[in-house]
Amino acid sequence: MIPKTNFGSTEGKGRSGAGAWEVAARFSWLDLTDNGVKGGQIQDYTGGINWYWNPYTKMVFNYVHATAQASGAAQTQTDMFGIRAQLDF
């Protein structure tokens, strides 16, 4: 994605830009049981925001809620928050 205005000062125009924002969502499901291996199942929900500062810089913010169910064990869950910076050069 290429923002219409870059984050920060916009040269010669006397205003600052906000970059571009993108909202993302994902659902994942994985079955780890196969051929006698009782690996259980995992599912997760992810919500994220991507912030494009300019055509070469992007910040990614993700929140993940995951649950796992192993055969014969209690269901477990975890919540994670991640931040990632990407530079394209």
PDB file of N, CA and C in Angstrom:
ATOM      1  N   MET A   1       0.849  -1.171   0.000  1.00  0.00           N
ATOM      2  CA  MET A   1       0.000   0.000   0.000  1.00  0.00           C
ATOM      3  C   MET A   1       0.894   1.234   0.000  1.00  0.00           C
ATOM      4  N   ILE A   2       0.489   2.229  -0.754  1.00  0.00           N
ATOM      5  CA  ILE A   2       1.214   3.492  -0.807  1.00  0.00           C
ATOM      6  C   ILE A   2       0.309   4.581  -0.237  1.00  0.00           C
ATOM      7  N   PRO A   3       0.725   5.222   0.871  1.00  0.00           N
ATOM      8  CA  PRO A   3      -0.117   6.271   1.464  1.00  0.00           C
ATOM      9  C   PRO A   3      -0.208   7.508   0.571  1.00  0.00           C
ATOM     10  N   LYS A   4      -1.360   8.186   0.616  1.00  0.00           N
ATOM     11  CA  LYS A   4      -1.522   9.441  -0.132  1.00  0.00           C
ATOM     12  C   LYS A   4      -0.626  10.527   0.432  1.00  0.00           C
ATOM     13  N   THR A   5      -0.475  10.545   1.783  1.00  0.00           N
ATOM     14  CA  THR A   5       0.455  11.470   2.431  1.00  0.00           C
ATOM     15  C   THR A   5       1.338  10.674   3.374  1.00  0.00           C
ATOM     16  N   ASN A   6       2.612  10.966   3.380  1.00  0.00           N
ATOM     17  CA  ASN A   6       3.545  10.300   4.283  1.00  0.00           C
ATOM     18  C   ASN A   6       3.339  10.789   5.712  1.00  0.00           C
ATOM     19  N   PHE A   7       3.686   9.957   6.668  1.00  0.00           N
ATOM     20  CA  PHE A   7       3.608  10.335   8.080  1.00  0.00           C
ATOM     21  C   PHE A   7       4.638  11.415   8.363  1.00  0.00           C
ATOM     22  N   GLY A   8       4.248  12.414   9.140  1.00  0.00           N
ATOM     23  CA  GLY A   8       5.157  13.502   9.488  1.00  0.00           C
ATOM     24  C   GLY A   8       4.997  14.662   8.527  1.00  0.00           C
ATOM     25  N   SER A   9       6.023  15.436   8.402  1.00  0.00           N
ATOM     26  CA  SER A   9       5.967  16.632   7.564  1.00  0.00           C
ATOM     27  C   SER A   9       5.841  16.271   6.093  1.00  0.00           C
ATOM     28  N   THR A  10       4.997  17.021   5.402  1.00  0.00           N
ATOM     29  CA  THR A  10       4.880  16.903   3.955  1.00  0.00           C
ATOM     30  C   THR A  10       5.615  18.099   3.372  1.00  0.00           C
ATOM     31  N   GLU A  11       6.721  17.807   2.704  1.00  0.00           N
ATOM     32  CA  GLU A  11       7.603  18.865   2.218  1.00  0.00           C
ATOM     33  C   GLU A  11       6.883  19.900   1.376  1.00  0.00           C
ATOM     34  N   GLY A  12       7.076  21.173   1.740  1.00  0.00           N
ATOM     35  CA  GLY A  12       6.579  22.285   0.948  1.00  0.00           C
ATOM     36  C   GLY A  12       5.078  22.497   0.993  1.00  0.00           C
ATOM     37  N   LYS A  13       4.332  21.686   1.743  1.00  0.00           N
ATOM     38  CA  LYS A  13       2.878  21.845   1.756  1.00  0.00           C
ATOM     39  C   LYS A  13       2.370  22.388   3.083  1.00  0.00           C
ATOM     40  N   GLY A  14       3.240  22.530   4.081  1.00  0.00           N
ATOM     41  CA  GLY A  14       2.876  23.135   5.342  1.00  0.00           C
ATOM     42  C   GLY A  14       1.918  22.333   6.208  1.00  0.00           C
ATOM     43  N   ARG A  15       1.790  21.052   5.976  1.00  0.00           N
ATOM     44  CA  ARG A  15       0.924  20.218   6.809  1.00  0.00           C
ATOM     45  C   ARG A  15       1.609  18.881   7.063  1.00  0.00           C
ATOM     46  N   SER A  16       1.135  18.168   8.076  1.00  0.00           N
ATOM     47  CA  SER A  16       1.714  16.851   8.352  1.00  0.00           C
ATOM     48  C   SER A  16       0.724  15.778   7.948  1.00  0.00           C
ATOM     49  N   GLY A  17       1.245  14.657   7.481  1.00  0.00           N
ATOM     50  CA  GLY A  17       0.406  13.553   7.043  1.00  0.00           C
ATOM     51  C   GLY A  17       0.289  12.472   8.103  1.00  0.00           C
ATOM     52  N   ALA A  18      -0.712  11.632   7.961  1.00  0.00           N
ATOM     53  CA  ALA A  18      -0.944  10.536   8.912  1.00  0.00           C
ATOM     54  C   ALA A  18      -0.509   9.191   8.351  1.00  0.00           C
ATOM     55  N   GLY A  19       0.003   9.160   7.123  1.00  0.00           N
ATOM     56  CA  GLY A  19       0.322   7.877   6.507  1.00  0.00           C
ATOM     57  C   GLY A  19      -0.971   7.197   6.082  1.00  0.00           C
ATOM     58  N   ALA A  20      -0.958   5.864   6.055  1.00  0.00           N
ATOM     59  CA  ALA A  20      -2.158   5.092   5.713  1.00  0.00           C
ATOM     60  C   ALA A  20      -2.383   4.028   6.775  1.00  0.00           C
ATOM     61  N   TRP A  21      -3.655   3.745   7.059  1.00  0.00           N
ATOM     62  CA  TRP A  21      -4.026   2.772   8.080  1.00  0.00           C
ATOM     63  C   TRP A  21      -4.813   1.636   7.434  1.00  0.00           C
ATOM     64  N   GLU A  22      -4.598   0.436   7.938  1.00  0.00           N
ATOM     65  CA  GLU A  22      -5.290  -0.744   7.421  1.00  0.00           C
ATOM     66  C   GLU A  22      -5.690  -1.627   8.601  1.00  0.00           C
ATOM     67  N   VAL A  23      -6.921  -2.123   8.612  1.00  0.00           N
ATOM     68  CA  VAL A  23      -7.410  -3.014   9.667  1.00  0.00           C
ATOM     69  C   VAL A  23      -7.457  -4.425   9.097  1.00  0.00           C
ATOM     70  N   ALA A  24      -6.996  -5.406   9.898  1.00  0.00           N
ATOM     71  CA  ALA A  24      -6.950  -6.796   9.430  1.00  0.00           C
ATOM     72  C   ALA A  24      -7.520  -7.728  10.494  1.00  0.00           C
ATOM     73  N   ALA A  25      -8.095  -8.846  10.050  1.00  0.00           N
ATOM     74  CA  ALA A  25      -8.614  -9.871  10.956  1.00  0.00           C
ATOM     75  C   ALA A  25      -8.353 -11.234  10.335  1.00  0.00           C
ATOM     76  N   ARG A  26      -8.167 -12.251  11.198  1.00  0.00           N
ATOM     77  CA  ARG A  26      -7.872 -13.599  10.704  1.00  0.00           C
ATOM     78  C   ARG A  26      -8.362 -14.628  11.717  1.00  0.00           C
ATOM     79  N   PHE A  27      -8.811 -15.773  11.213  1.00  0.00           N
ATOM     80  CA  PHE A  27      -9.129 -16.938  12.032  1.00  0.00           C
ATOM     81  C   PHE A  27      -8.308 -18.099  11.502  1.00  0.00           C
ATOM     82  N   SER A  28      -7.658 -18.857  12.399  1.00  0.00           N
ATOM     83  CA  SER A  28      -6.860 -20.025  12.012  1.00  0.00           C
ATOM     84  C   SER A  28      -7.292 -21.229  12.818  1.00  0.00           C
ATOM     85  N   TRP A  29      -7.245 -22.387  12.184  1.00  0.00           N
ATOM     86  CA  TRP A  29      -7.559 -23.648  12.858  1.00  0.00           C
ATOM     87  C   TRP A  29      -6.591 -24.697  12.358  1.00  0.00           C
ATOM     88  N   LEU A  30      -6.022 -25.487  13.280  1.00  0.00           N
ATOM     89  CA  LEU A  30      -5.041 -26.514  12.930  1.00  0.00           C
ATOM     90  C   LEU A  30      -5.348 -27.787  13.696  1.00  0.00           C
ATOM     91  N   ASP A  31      -5.461 -28.904  12.976  1.00  0.00           N
ATOM     92  CA  ASP A  31      -5.682 -30.214  13.579  1.00  0.00           C
ATOM     93  C   ASP A  31      -4.363 -30.974  13.533  1.00  0.00           C
ATOM     94  N   LEU A  32      -3.801 -31.276  14.698  1.00  0.00           N
ATOM     95  CA  LEU A  32      -2.497 -31.933  14.789  1.00  0.00           C
ATOM     96  C   LEU A  32      -2.608 -33.442  15.035  1.00  0.00           C
ATOM     97  N   THR A  33      -3.811 -34.005  14.897  1.00  0.00           N
ATOM     98  CA  THR A  33      -4.019 -35.436  15.098  1.00  0.00           C
ATOM     99  C   THR A  33      -3.981 -36.139  13.744  1.00  0.00           C
ATOM    100  N   ASP A  34      -3.097 -37.169  13.625  1.00  0.00           N
ATOM    101  CA  ASP A  34      -2.975 -37.895  12.362  1.00  0.00           C
ATOM    102  C   ASP A  34      -2.226 -39.203  12.580  1.00  0.00           C
ATOM    103  N   ASN A  35      -2.689 -40.278  11.966  1.00  0.00           N
ATOM    104  CA  ASN A  35      -2.011 -41.585  11.989  1.00  0.00           C
ATOM    105  C   ASN A  35      -1.584 -42.017  13.391  1.00  0.00           C
ATOM    106  N   GLY A  36      -2.494 -41.942  14.343  1.00  0.00           N
ATOM    107  CA  GLY A  36      -2.197 -42.381  15.703  1.00  0.00           C
ATOM    108  C   GLY A  36      -1.532 -41.344  16.582  1.00  0.00           C
ATOM    109  N   VAL A  37      -1.127 -40.228  16.025  1.00  0.00           N
ATOM    110  CA  VAL A  37      -0.540 -39.138  16.812  1.00  0.00           C
ATOM    111  C   VAL A  37      -1.690 -38.280  17.322  1.00  0.00           C
ATOM    112  N   LYS A  38      -1.809 -38.154  18.631  1.00  0.00           N
ATOM    113  CA  LYS A  38      -2.898 -37.386  19.237  1.00  0.00           C
ATOM    114  C   LYS A  38      -2.389 -35.996  19.614  1.00  0.00           C
ATOM    115  N   GLY A  39      -2.251 -35.166  18.603  1.00  0.00           N
ATOM    116  CA  GLY A  39      -1.684 -33.837  18.808  1.00  0.00           C
ATOM    117  C   GLY A  39      -2.671 -32.782  19.256  1.00  0.00           C
ATOM    118  N   GLY A  40      -3.961 -33.042  19.061  1.00  0.00           N
ATOM    119  CA  GLY A  40      -4.968 -32.078  19.472  1.00  0.00           C
ATOM    120  C   GLY A  40      -5.257 -31.047  18.404  1.00  0.00           C
ATOM    121  N   GLN A  41      -5.922 -29.973  18.812  1.00  0.00           N
ATOM    122  CA  GLN A  41      -6.316 -28.909  17.891  1.00  0.00           C
ATOM    123  C   GLN A  41      -5.963 -27.549  18.474  1.00  0.00           C
ATOM    124  N   ILE A  42      -5.675 -26.636  17.576  1.00  0.00           N
ATOM    125  CA  ILE A  42      -5.374 -25.255  17.957  1.00  0.00           C
ATOM    126  C   ILE A  42      -6.212 -24.337  17.075  1.00  0.00           C
ATOM    127  N   GLN A  43      -6.777 -23.304  17.671  1.00  0.00           N
ATOM    128  CA  GLN A  43      -7.450 -22.272  16.887  1.00  0.00           C
ATOM    129  C   GLN A  43      -7.078 -20.913  17.457  1.00  0.00           C
ATOM    130  N   ASP A  44      -7.015 -19.923  16.573  1.00  0.00           N
ATOM    131  CA  ASP A  44      -6.726 -18.577  17.068  1.00  0.00           C
ATOM    132  C   ASP A  44      -7.458 -17.528  16.255  1.00  0.00           C
ATOM    133  N   TYR A  45      -7.715 -16.418  16.932  1.00  0.00           N
ATOM    134  CA  TYR A  45      -8.322 -15.232  16.338  1.00  0.00           C
ATOM    135  C   TYR A  45      -7.289 -14.117  16.418  1.00  0.00           C
ATOM    136  N   THR A  46      -7.071 -13.435  15.312  1.00  0.00           N
ATOM    137  CA  THR A  46      -6.093 -12.352  15.272  1.00  0.00           C
ATOM    138  C   THR A  46      -6.770 -11.081  14.775  1.00  0.00           C
ATOM    139  N   GLY A  47      -6.526  -9.991  15.460  1.00  0.00           N
ATOM    140  CA  GLY A  47      -6.952  -8.675  15.020  1.00  0.00           C
ATOM    141  C   GLY A  47      -5.722  -7.792  14.907  1.00  0.00           C
ATOM    142  N   GLY A  48      -5.655  -7.006  13.855  1.00  0.00           N
ATOM    143  CA  GLY A  48      -4.453  -6.207  13.676  1.00  0.00           C
ATOM    144  C   GLY A  48      -4.698  -4.872  13.011  1.00  0.00           C
ATOM    145  N   ILE A  49      -3.724  -4.001  13.183  1.00  0.00           N
ATOM    146  CA  ILE A  49      -3.711  -2.699  12.524  1.00  0.00           C
ATOM    147  C   ILE A  49      -2.338  -2.541  11.874  1.00  0.00           C
ATOM    148  N   ASN A  50      -2.343  -2.169  10.608  1.00  0.00           N
ATOM    149  CA  ASN A  50      -1.109  -1.884   9.881  1.00  0.00           C
ATOM    150  C   ASN A  50      -1.049  -0.385   9.625  1.00  0.00           C
ATOM    151  N   TRP A  51       0.097   0.205   9.915  1.00  0.00           N
ATOM    152  CA  TRP A  51       0.285   1.641   9.743  1.00  0.00           C
ATOM    153  C   TRP A  51       1.443   1.862   8.776  1.00  0.00           C
ATOM    154  N   TYR A  52       1.124   2.384   7.609  1.00  0.00           N
ATOM    155  CA  TYR A  52       2.122   2.659   6.576  1.00  0.00           C
ATOM    156  C   TYR A  52       2.590   4.101   6.730  1.00  0.00           C
ATOM    157  N   TRP A  53       3.829   4.293   7.149  1.00  0.00           N
ATOM    158  CA  TRP A  53       4.373   5.639   7.330  1.00  0.00           C
ATOM    159  C   TRP A  53       4.643   6.301   5.986  1.00  0.00           C
ATOM    160  N   ASN A  54       5.170   5.519   5.066  1.00  0.00           N
ATOM    161  CA  ASN A  54       5.495   5.962   3.716  1.00  0.00           C
ATOM    162  C   ASN A  54       5.585   4.701   2.855  1.00  0.00           C
ATOM    163  N   PRO A  55       5.925   4.788   1.582  1.00  0.00           N
ATOM    164  CA  PRO A  55       5.963   3.564   0.768  1.00  0.00           C
ATOM    165  C   PRO A  55       7.009   2.539   1.216  1.00  0.00           C
ATOM    166  N   TYR A  56       7.901   2.902   2.131  1.00  0.00           N
ATOM    167  CA  TYR A  56       9.002   2.017   2.513  1.00  0.00           C
ATOM    168  C   TYR A  56       8.987   1.571   3.972  1.00  0.00           C
ATOM    169  N   THR A  57       8.066   2.094   4.785  1.00  0.00           N
ATOM    170  CA  THR A  57       8.053   1.795   6.216  1.00  0.00           C
ATOM    171  C   THR A  57       6.642   1.442   6.674  1.00  0.00           C
ATOM    172  N   LYS A  58       6.548   0.355   7.449  1.00  0.00           N
ATOM    173  CA  LYS A  58       5.246  -0.124   7.917  1.00  0.00           C
ATOM    174  C   LYS A  58       5.384  -0.620   9.350  1.00  0.00           C
ATOM    175  N   MET A  59       4.406  -0.279  10.195  1.00  0.00           N
ATOM    176  CA  MET A  59       4.325  -0.794  11.557  1.00  0.00           C
ATOM    177  C   MET A  59       3.099  -1.714  11.622  1.00  0.00           C
ATOM    178  N   VAL A  60       3.263  -2.877  12.260  1.00  0.00           N
ATOM    179  CA  VAL A  60       2.184  -3.854  12.372  1.00  0.00           C
ATOM    180  C   VAL A  60       1.925  -4.108  13.854  1.00  0.00           C
ATOM    181  N   PHE A  61       0.662  -3.997  14.266  1.00  0.00           N
ATOM    182  CA  PHE A  61       0.244  -4.255  15.640  1.00  0.00           C
ATOM    183  C   PHE A  61      -0.782  -5.386  15.603  1.00  0.00           C
ATOM    184  N   ASN A  62      -0.497  -6.506  16.297  1.00  0.00           N
ATOM    185  CA  ASN A  62      -1.402  -7.656  16.291  1.00  0.00           C
ATOM    186  C   ASN A  62      -1.760  -8.082  17.710  1.00  0.00           C
ATOM    187  N   TYR A  63      -3.023  -8.468  17.887  1.00  0.00           N
ATOM    188  CA  TYR A  63      -3.492  -9.109  19.109  1.00  0.00           C
ATOM    189  C   TYR A  63      -4.010 -10.489  18.708  1.00  0.00           C
ATOM    190  N   VAL A  64      -3.539 -11.544  19.412  1.00  0.00           N
ATOM    191  CA  VAL A  64      -3.919 -12.924  19.099  1.00  0.00           C
ATOM    192  C   VAL A  64      -4.493 -13.576  20.351  1.00  0.00           C
ATOM    193  N   HIS A  65      -5.656 -14.198  20.192  1.00  0.00           N
ATOM    194  CA  HIS A  65      -6.254 -15.025  21.250  1.00  0.00           C
ATOM    195  C   HIS A  65      -6.285 -16.456  20.719  1.00  0.00           C
ATOM    196  N   ALA A  66      -5.528 -17.359  21.363  1.00  0.00           N
ATOM    197  CA  ALA A  66      -5.411 -18.746  20.891  1.00  0.00           C
ATOM    198  C   ALA A  66      -5.882 -19.719  21.957  1.00  0.00           C
ATOM    199  N   THR A  67      -6.514 -20.820  21.505  1.00  0.00           N
ATOM    200  CA  THR A  67      -6.910 -21.906  22.397  1.00  0.00           C
ATOM    201  C   THR A  67      -6.374 -23.212  21.830  1.00  0.00           C
ATOM    202  N   ALA A  68      -5.978 -24.112  22.737  1.00  0.00           N
ATOM    203  CA  ALA A  68      -5.459 -25.422  22.336  1.00  0.00           C
ATOM    204  C   ALA A  68      -6.163 -26.501  23.141  1.00  0.00           C
ATOM    205  N   GLN A  69      -6.460 -27.607  22.481  1.00  0.00           N
ATOM    206  CA  GLN A  69      -7.109 -28.744  23.135  1.00  0.00           C
ATOM    207  C   GLN A  69      -6.342 -30.003  22.752  1.00  0.00           C
ATOM    208  N   ALA A  70      -5.560 -30.533  23.687  1.00  0.00           N
ATOM    209  CA  ALA A  70      -4.838 -31.780  23.462  1.00  0.00           C
ATOM    210  C   ALA A  70      -5.715 -32.937  23.922  1.00  0.00           C
ATOM    211  N   SER A  71      -5.530 -34.089  23.310  1.00  0.00           N
ATOM    212  CA  SER A  71      -6.325 -35.259  23.647  1.00  0.00           C
ATOM    213  C   SER A  71      -6.131 -35.633  25.117  1.00  0.00           C
ATOM    214  N   GLY A  72      -7.228 -35.694  25.880  1.00  0.00           N
ATOM    215  CA  GLY A  72      -7.171 -36.079  27.288  1.00  0.00           C
ATOM    216  C   GLY A  72      -6.687 -34.995  28.231  1.00  0.00           C
ATOM    217  N   ALA A  73      -6.492 -33.789  27.748  1.00  0.00           N
ATOM    218  CA  ALA A  73      -6.011 -32.696  28.603  1.00  0.00           C
ATOM    219  C   ALA A  73      -7.038 -31.559  28.598  1.00  0.00           C
ATOM    220  N   ALA A  74      -6.926 -30.701  29.566  1.00  0.00           N
ATOM    221  CA  ALA A  74      -7.814 -29.544  29.639  1.00  0.00           C
ATOM    222  C   ALA A  74      -7.466 -28.534  28.542  1.00  0.00           C
ATOM    223  N   GLN A  75      -8.460 -27.796  28.125  1.00  0.00           N
ATOM    224  CA  GLN A  75      -8.240 -26.759  27.122  1.00  0.00           C
ATOM    225  C   GLN A  75      -7.406 -25.636  27.732  1.00  0.00           C
ATOM    226  N   THR A  76      -6.452 -25.132  26.970  1.00  0.00           N
ATOM    227  CA  THR A  76      -5.623 -24.015  27.419  1.00  0.00           C
ATOM    228  C   THR A  76      -5.825 -22.838  26.475  1.00  0.00           C
ATOM    229  N   GLN A  77      -5.506 -21.659  26.957  1.00  0.00           N
ATOM    230  CA  GLN A  77      -5.622 -20.478  26.112  1.00  0.00           C
ATOM    231  C   GLN A  77      -4.502 -19.505  26.427  1.00  0.00           C
ATOM    232  N   THR A  78      -4.216 -18.665  25.467  1.00  0.00           N
ATOM    233  CA  THR A  78      -3.202 -17.636  25.652  1.00  0.00           C
ATOM    234  C   THR A  78      -3.600 -16.395  24.860  1.00  0.00           C
ATOM    235  N   ASP A  79      -3.149 -15.257  25.323  1.00  0.00           N
ATOM    236  CA  ASP A  79      -3.362 -13.988  24.645  1.00  0.00           C
ATOM    237  C   ASP A  79      -2.001 -13.354  24.397  1.00  0.00           C
ATOM    238  N   MET A  80      -1.794 -12.872  23.176  1.00  0.00           N
ATOM    239  CA  MET A  80      -0.499 -12.304  22.800  1.00  0.00           C
ATOM    240  C   MET A  80      -0.702 -10.968  22.100  1.00  0.00           C
ATOM    241  N   PHE A  81       0.248 -10.071  22.290  1.00  0.00           N
ATOM    242  CA  PHE A  81       0.266  -8.801  21.576  1.00  0.00           C
ATOM    243  C   PHE A  81       1.645  -8.657  20.953  1.00  0.00           C
ATOM    244  N   GLY A  82       1.677  -8.347  19.672  1.00  0.00           N
ATOM    245  CA  GLY A  82       2.956  -8.227  18.982  1.00  0.00           C
ATOM    246  C   GLY A  82       3.039  -6.942  18.179  1.00  0.00           C
ATOM    247  N   ILE A  83       4.248  -6.418  18.098  1.00  0.00           N
ATOM    248  CA  ILE A  83       4.534  -5.235  17.292  1.00  0.00           C
ATOM    249  C   ILE A  83       5.704  -5.580  16.382  1.00  0.00           C
ATOM    250  N   ARG A  84       5.587  -5.179  15.124  1.00  0.00           N
ATOM    251  CA  ARG A  84       6.655  -5.462  14.166  1.00  0.00           C
ATOM    252  C   ARG A  84       6.849  -4.232  13.274  1.00  0.00           C
ATOM    253  N   ALA A  85       8.095  -3.935  12.976  1.00  0.00           N
ATOM    254  CA  ALA A  85       8.425  -2.859  12.043  1.00  0.00           C
ATOM    255  C   ALA A  85       9.018  -3.482  10.783  1.00  0.00           C
ATOM    256  N   GLN A  86       8.586  -2.992   9.625  1.00  0.00           N
ATOM    257  CA  GLN A  86       9.116  -3.477   8.364  1.00  0.00           C
ATOM    258  C   GLN A  86       9.695  -2.316   7.563  1.00  0.00           C
ATOM    259  N   LEU A  87      10.886  -2.523   7.046  1.00  0.00           N
ATOM    260  CA  LEU A  87      11.538  -1.536   6.193  1.00  0.00           C
ATOM    261  C   LEU A  87      11.811  -2.183   4.853  1.00  0.00           C
ATOM    262  N   ASP A  88      11.481  -1.474   3.787  1.00  0.00           N
ATOM    263  CA  ASP A  88      11.724  -1.955   2.423  1.00  0.00           C
ATOM    264  C   ASP A  88      12.819  -1.093   1.814  1.00  0.00           C
ATOM    265  N   PHE A  89      13.928  -1.725   1.464  1.00  0.00           N
ATOM    266  CA  PHE A  89      15.026  -0.965   0.868  1.00  0.00           C
ATOM    267  C   PHE A  89      15.631  -1.714  -0.285  1.00  0.00           C
TER     268      PHE A  89
END
